[in-house]
Each structure stands twice: as C-alpha cells, then as structure tokens.
N, C-alpha and C. Protein backbone atom coordinates (compact mmCIF):
# COMPACT_ATOMS: atom_id res chain seq x y z
N MET A 1 93.21 61.81 122.22
CA MET A 1 92.81 62.88 123.11
C MET A 1 91.29 62.88 123.27
N ALA A 2 90.85 63.27 124.43
CA ALA A 2 89.42 63.29 124.74
C ALA A 2 88.76 64.52 124.14
N LEU A 3 87.46 64.49 124.14
CA LEU A 3 86.66 65.60 123.66
C LEU A 3 85.78 66.09 124.79
N LYS A 4 85.78 67.39 124.97
CA LYS A 4 84.88 68.04 125.94
C LYS A 4 84.12 69.10 125.16
N ILE A 5 82.83 69.22 125.41
CA ILE A 5 82.02 70.23 124.72
C ILE A 5 81.23 71.02 125.72
N ASN A 6 81.47 72.31 125.75
CA ASN A 6 80.65 73.21 126.55
C ASN A 6 79.52 73.70 125.66
N LYS A 7 78.34 73.77 126.23
CA LYS A 7 77.21 74.29 125.46
C LYS A 7 76.42 75.25 126.31
N LEU A 8 75.91 76.29 125.66
CA LEU A 8 75.04 77.21 126.36
C LEU A 8 74.11 77.84 125.35
N PHE A 9 72.94 78.22 125.83
CA PHE A 9 71.97 78.89 124.98
C PHE A 9 71.99 80.37 125.31
N ASP A 10 72.29 81.20 124.33
CA ASP A 10 72.30 82.65 124.49
C ASP A 10 70.87 83.15 124.30
N GLU A 11 70.25 83.49 125.39
CA GLU A 11 68.83 83.91 125.36
C GLU A 11 68.65 85.19 124.57
N GLU A 12 69.61 86.10 124.66
CA GLU A 12 69.51 87.38 123.97
C GLU A 12 69.53 87.19 122.44
N LYS A 13 70.47 86.38 121.97
CA LYS A 13 70.62 86.16 120.52
C LYS A 13 69.79 84.98 120.02
N LYS A 14 69.22 84.21 120.94
CA LYS A 14 68.44 83.03 120.58
C LYS A 14 69.25 82.05 119.74
N VAL A 15 70.44 81.71 120.24
CA VAL A 15 71.33 80.83 119.51
C VAL A 15 72.08 79.90 120.49
N TRP A 16 72.28 78.67 120.08
CA TRP A 16 73.11 77.72 120.83
C TRP A 16 74.57 78.03 120.53
N ILE A 17 75.43 77.96 121.52
CA ILE A 17 76.87 78.09 121.30
C ILE A 17 77.51 76.80 121.83
N LEU A 18 78.20 76.10 120.94
CA LEU A 18 78.92 74.89 121.30
C LEU A 18 80.41 75.16 121.19
N LYS A 19 81.16 74.79 122.23
CA LYS A 19 82.60 75.00 122.24
C LYS A 19 83.29 73.66 122.48
N PRO A 20 83.71 73.01 121.40
CA PRO A 20 84.44 71.74 121.56
C PRO A 20 85.90 71.99 121.94
N TYR A 21 86.40 71.16 122.84
CA TYR A 21 87.80 71.19 123.27
C TYR A 21 88.40 69.82 122.95
N GLY A 22 89.48 69.82 122.20
CA GLY A 22 90.14 68.55 121.90
C GLY A 22 89.95 68.16 120.45
N GLU A 23 89.65 66.89 120.24
CA GLU A 23 89.57 66.32 118.90
C GLU A 23 88.22 65.67 118.63
N ILE A 24 87.72 65.87 117.42
CA ILE A 24 86.52 65.15 116.98
C ILE A 24 86.97 64.18 115.91
N ASP A 25 86.99 62.90 116.28
CA ASP A 25 87.43 61.87 115.35
C ASP A 25 86.49 60.67 115.45
N ILE A 26 86.88 59.57 114.87
CA ILE A 26 86.03 58.38 114.84
C ILE A 26 85.63 57.92 116.24
N TYR A 27 86.48 58.19 117.24
CA TYR A 27 86.20 57.75 118.60
C TYR A 27 85.31 58.72 119.37
N THR A 28 85.44 60.01 119.08
CA THR A 28 84.68 61.01 119.83
C THR A 28 83.47 61.56 119.08
N ALA A 29 83.37 61.24 117.79
CA ALA A 29 82.24 61.75 116.97
C ALA A 29 80.87 61.32 117.51
N PRO A 30 80.70 60.10 118.03
CA PRO A 30 79.38 59.74 118.58
C PRO A 30 78.93 60.67 119.72
N LYS A 31 79.87 61.05 120.59
CA LYS A 31 79.55 61.97 121.68
C LYS A 31 79.17 63.34 121.09
N PHE A 32 79.92 63.81 120.12
CA PHE A 32 79.63 65.08 119.47
C PHE A 32 78.25 65.05 118.80
N LYS A 33 77.96 63.95 118.10
CA LYS A 33 76.67 63.81 117.43
C LYS A 33 75.53 63.83 118.44
N GLU A 34 75.70 63.13 119.55
CA GLU A 34 74.66 63.08 120.58
C GLU A 34 74.36 64.48 121.12
N ILE A 35 75.41 65.24 121.40
CA ILE A 35 75.23 66.60 121.93
C ILE A 35 74.60 67.52 120.88
N LEU A 36 75.10 67.45 119.64
CA LEU A 36 74.59 68.30 118.57
C LEU A 36 73.11 68.02 118.32
N LEU A 37 72.74 66.76 118.20
CA LEU A 37 71.33 66.42 117.94
C LEU A 37 70.45 66.79 119.13
N ASN A 38 71.00 66.65 120.33
CA ASN A 38 70.25 67.01 121.53
C ASN A 38 69.91 68.50 121.55
N VAL A 39 70.88 69.37 121.20
CA VAL A 39 70.57 70.81 121.22
C VAL A 39 69.61 71.17 120.10
N ILE A 40 69.71 70.48 118.97
CA ILE A 40 68.79 70.74 117.86
C ILE A 40 67.35 70.39 118.28
N GLU A 41 67.19 69.25 118.97
CA GLU A 41 65.87 68.81 119.39
C GLU A 41 65.34 69.62 120.58
N THR A 42 66.24 70.14 121.40
CA THR A 42 65.81 70.89 122.59
C THR A 42 65.18 72.20 122.24
N ARG A 43 65.81 72.92 121.29
CA ARG A 43 65.31 74.24 120.96
C ARG A 43 65.62 74.52 119.49
N ASP A 44 64.61 74.98 118.79
CA ASP A 44 64.71 75.27 117.36
C ASP A 44 65.42 76.62 117.19
N SER A 45 66.74 76.57 116.99
CA SER A 45 67.49 77.82 116.84
C SER A 45 68.77 77.56 116.06
N ASN A 46 69.41 78.63 115.65
CA ASN A 46 70.71 78.52 114.99
C ASN A 46 71.74 78.05 115.98
N ILE A 47 72.86 77.55 115.44
CA ILE A 47 73.95 77.05 116.27
C ILE A 47 75.24 77.73 115.85
N ILE A 48 76.02 78.17 116.83
CA ILE A 48 77.37 78.64 116.59
C ILE A 48 78.33 77.62 117.19
N ILE A 49 79.28 77.19 116.39
CA ILE A 49 80.33 76.30 116.90
C ILE A 49 81.62 77.10 116.95
N ASP A 50 82.12 77.28 118.18
CA ASP A 50 83.35 78.04 118.39
C ASP A 50 84.51 77.06 118.36
N GLY A 51 85.29 77.10 117.28
CA GLY A 51 86.38 76.15 117.09
C GLY A 51 87.72 76.56 117.66
N LYS A 52 87.73 77.57 118.53
CA LYS A 52 88.98 78.08 119.09
C LYS A 52 89.84 76.99 119.71
N ASP A 53 89.22 76.07 120.45
CA ASP A 53 89.95 75.02 121.15
C ASP A 53 89.79 73.65 120.52
N LEU A 54 89.27 73.64 119.29
CA LEU A 54 89.17 72.37 118.53
C LEU A 54 90.51 72.14 117.86
N GLU A 55 91.17 71.05 118.22
CA GLU A 55 92.52 70.81 117.71
C GLU A 55 92.53 69.99 116.42
N TYR A 56 91.48 69.18 116.23
CA TYR A 56 91.48 68.25 115.09
C TYR A 56 90.05 67.81 114.82
N ILE A 57 89.73 67.64 113.55
CA ILE A 57 88.44 67.04 113.18
C ILE A 57 88.70 66.18 111.94
N ASP A 58 88.17 64.97 111.93
CA ASP A 58 88.33 64.09 110.77
C ASP A 58 87.03 64.00 110.00
N SER A 59 86.99 63.13 109.00
CA SER A 59 85.81 63.02 108.13
C SER A 59 84.57 62.57 108.90
N THR A 60 84.76 61.81 109.96
CA THR A 60 83.62 61.39 110.78
C THR A 60 82.98 62.61 111.44
N GLY A 61 83.81 63.47 111.98
CA GLY A 61 83.30 64.69 112.60
C GLY A 61 82.65 65.62 111.61
N LEU A 62 83.24 65.71 110.40
CA LEU A 62 82.64 66.54 109.36
C LEU A 62 81.28 65.98 108.98
N GLY A 63 81.15 64.67 108.94
CA GLY A 63 79.87 64.03 108.62
C GLY A 63 78.81 64.36 109.67
N VAL A 64 79.22 64.42 110.93
CA VAL A 64 78.29 64.79 112.00
C VAL A 64 77.81 66.23 111.79
N LEU A 65 78.72 67.12 111.46
CA LEU A 65 78.35 68.52 111.20
C LEU A 65 77.36 68.61 110.05
N ILE A 66 77.63 67.87 108.98
CA ILE A 66 76.75 67.89 107.82
C ILE A 66 75.37 67.37 108.17
N SER A 67 75.30 66.27 108.92
CA SER A 67 73.98 65.73 109.26
C SER A 67 73.22 66.70 110.19
N GLY A 68 73.94 67.37 111.08
CA GLY A 68 73.29 68.38 111.92
C GLY A 68 72.77 69.54 111.09
N LEU A 69 73.55 69.97 110.12
CA LEU A 69 73.14 71.07 109.26
C LEU A 69 71.90 70.70 108.45
N LYS A 70 71.86 69.47 107.94
CA LYS A 70 70.69 69.02 107.18
C LYS A 70 69.44 69.08 108.05
N ARG A 71 69.58 68.64 109.27
CA ARG A 71 68.44 68.66 110.20
C ARG A 71 67.98 70.10 110.47
N LEU A 72 68.93 71.00 110.67
CA LEU A 72 68.59 72.40 110.93
C LEU A 72 67.96 73.08 109.73
N LYS A 73 68.43 72.75 108.54
CA LYS A 73 67.91 73.38 107.32
C LYS A 73 66.43 73.08 107.12
N GLU A 74 65.94 71.98 107.69
CA GLU A 74 64.52 71.66 107.60
C GLU A 74 63.65 72.74 108.23
N THR A 75 64.23 73.47 109.17
CA THR A 75 63.48 74.56 109.84
C THR A 75 64.12 75.92 109.55
N ASP A 76 64.83 76.01 108.44
CA ASP A 76 65.48 77.26 108.01
C ASP A 76 66.45 77.83 109.03
N LYS A 77 67.15 76.96 109.73
CA LYS A 77 68.18 77.37 110.68
C LYS A 77 69.55 77.01 110.11
N ASN A 78 70.60 77.47 110.76
CA ASN A 78 71.94 77.28 110.21
C ASN A 78 72.98 77.02 111.29
N ILE A 79 74.14 76.54 110.85
CA ILE A 79 75.29 76.39 111.72
C ILE A 79 76.35 77.38 111.25
N THR A 80 76.82 78.19 112.17
CA THR A 80 77.94 79.10 111.90
C THR A 80 79.14 78.59 112.66
N ILE A 81 80.27 78.52 111.99
CA ILE A 81 81.50 78.04 112.62
C ILE A 81 82.48 79.21 112.72
N ILE A 82 82.96 79.46 113.91
CA ILE A 82 83.86 80.58 114.13
C ILE A 82 85.18 80.12 114.75
N ASN A 83 86.18 81.00 114.64
CA ASN A 83 87.47 80.82 115.32
C ASN A 83 88.17 79.50 115.01
N LEU A 84 88.17 79.09 113.76
CA LEU A 84 88.85 77.84 113.41
C LEU A 84 90.36 78.04 113.40
N ARG A 85 91.08 77.03 113.83
CA ARG A 85 92.54 77.02 113.71
C ARG A 85 92.90 76.89 112.25
N PRO A 86 94.07 77.37 111.84
CA PRO A 86 94.46 77.33 110.42
C PRO A 86 94.38 75.95 109.78
N ASN A 87 94.80 74.91 110.49
CA ASN A 87 94.76 73.56 109.91
C ASN A 87 93.32 73.09 109.64
N ILE A 88 92.40 73.45 110.51
CA ILE A 88 91.01 73.05 110.32
C ILE A 88 90.33 73.93 109.28
N SER A 89 90.67 75.19 109.29
CA SER A 89 90.14 76.11 108.28
C SER A 89 90.54 75.63 106.88
N LYS A 90 91.79 75.19 106.75
CA LYS A 90 92.25 74.68 105.46
C LYS A 90 91.48 73.43 105.05
N LEU A 91 91.16 72.56 106.00
CA LEU A 91 90.37 71.37 105.72
C LEU A 91 88.99 71.75 105.17
N PHE A 92 88.36 72.77 105.76
CA PHE A 92 87.06 73.23 105.27
C PHE A 92 87.18 73.79 103.84
N GLU A 93 88.29 74.47 103.55
CA GLU A 93 88.51 75.00 102.21
C GLU A 93 88.72 73.86 101.20
N ILE A 94 89.57 72.90 101.55
CA ILE A 94 89.89 71.78 100.65
C ILE A 94 88.65 70.96 100.31
N THR A 95 87.80 70.75 101.32
CA THR A 95 86.61 69.93 101.12
C THR A 95 85.44 70.72 100.54
N GLY A 96 85.56 72.04 100.49
CA GLY A 96 84.48 72.89 100.00
C GLY A 96 83.41 73.16 101.04
N LEU A 97 83.62 72.70 102.27
CA LEU A 97 82.62 72.90 103.30
C LEU A 97 82.53 74.35 103.77
N ASN A 98 83.54 75.16 103.41
CA ASN A 98 83.46 76.57 103.72
C ASN A 98 82.38 77.27 102.91
N LYS A 99 81.88 76.57 101.89
CA LYS A 99 80.78 77.11 101.09
C LYS A 99 79.43 76.54 101.55
N VAL A 100 79.49 75.48 102.33
CA VAL A 100 78.26 74.85 102.86
C VAL A 100 77.88 75.45 104.20
N PHE A 101 78.87 75.67 105.04
CA PHE A 101 78.68 76.25 106.36
C PHE A 101 79.04 77.74 106.30
N ILE A 102 78.50 78.50 107.23
CA ILE A 102 78.93 79.88 107.41
C ILE A 102 80.19 79.81 108.29
N VAL A 103 81.34 80.15 107.71
CA VAL A 103 82.60 80.11 108.45
C VAL A 103 83.11 81.53 108.59
N LYS A 104 83.32 81.94 109.85
CA LYS A 104 83.75 83.31 110.13
C LYS A 104 84.94 83.31 111.06
N GLU A 105 85.78 84.30 110.88
CA GLU A 105 86.84 84.58 111.84
C GLU A 105 86.34 85.72 112.72
N VAL A 106 86.36 85.52 114.02
CA VAL A 106 85.84 86.55 114.93
C VAL A 106 86.98 87.08 115.77
C-alpha cells in the first residue's frame, strides 16, 4: 500500500501536524523520512503525528521517528503521537517507545 502524508503548520499553536495515510514500511520509510526532516529543517517547532489513518508501521518507520526525535531534541522540541490504532499502539508499548515519545489518545 502507498503512503500519503498531509502536513500543515498550525500558526496558533506553533506546531507541525503530520497525518500519514497508509503504511510506513521499508518501501515508504524514505518518503516519510524526507518529509519529516524537511519540516524539522523548515521551522524549529514541535511535531504532532496524527496516526488516525496510519494502518501499519514497521521497524524502519520506527527508526525514522527515532532519528527525527533525536534531531528535535537538540533544540528542546518533541514529537507527540496521537490517535494510534490499537495494533500500532501495542507496538509502541511492546518496544517501549511509548516512554520515548509522547503518545496520547485524543
């Protein structure tokens, strides 16, 4: 399945919002990484990833998230992940990434 990512900058909250649709896997992770790093370089701000329409993420995608978070932490910014599907939320729990990222149900 393909990956589509909508992105917008919320001027009021001063935060990037990324909404991935589909799957982030070994084939689509490079596109995700390019977009994530681009928004980090464009504007120094926190990032919210809305996982409502994210159907699947593998270790490659998780690695992209971790590298993006490391880059943001250099400027005291963070990634918040919201609206994860149960299967992806469980993956974050199993890997312990729910303690690395801010994961919220909205």
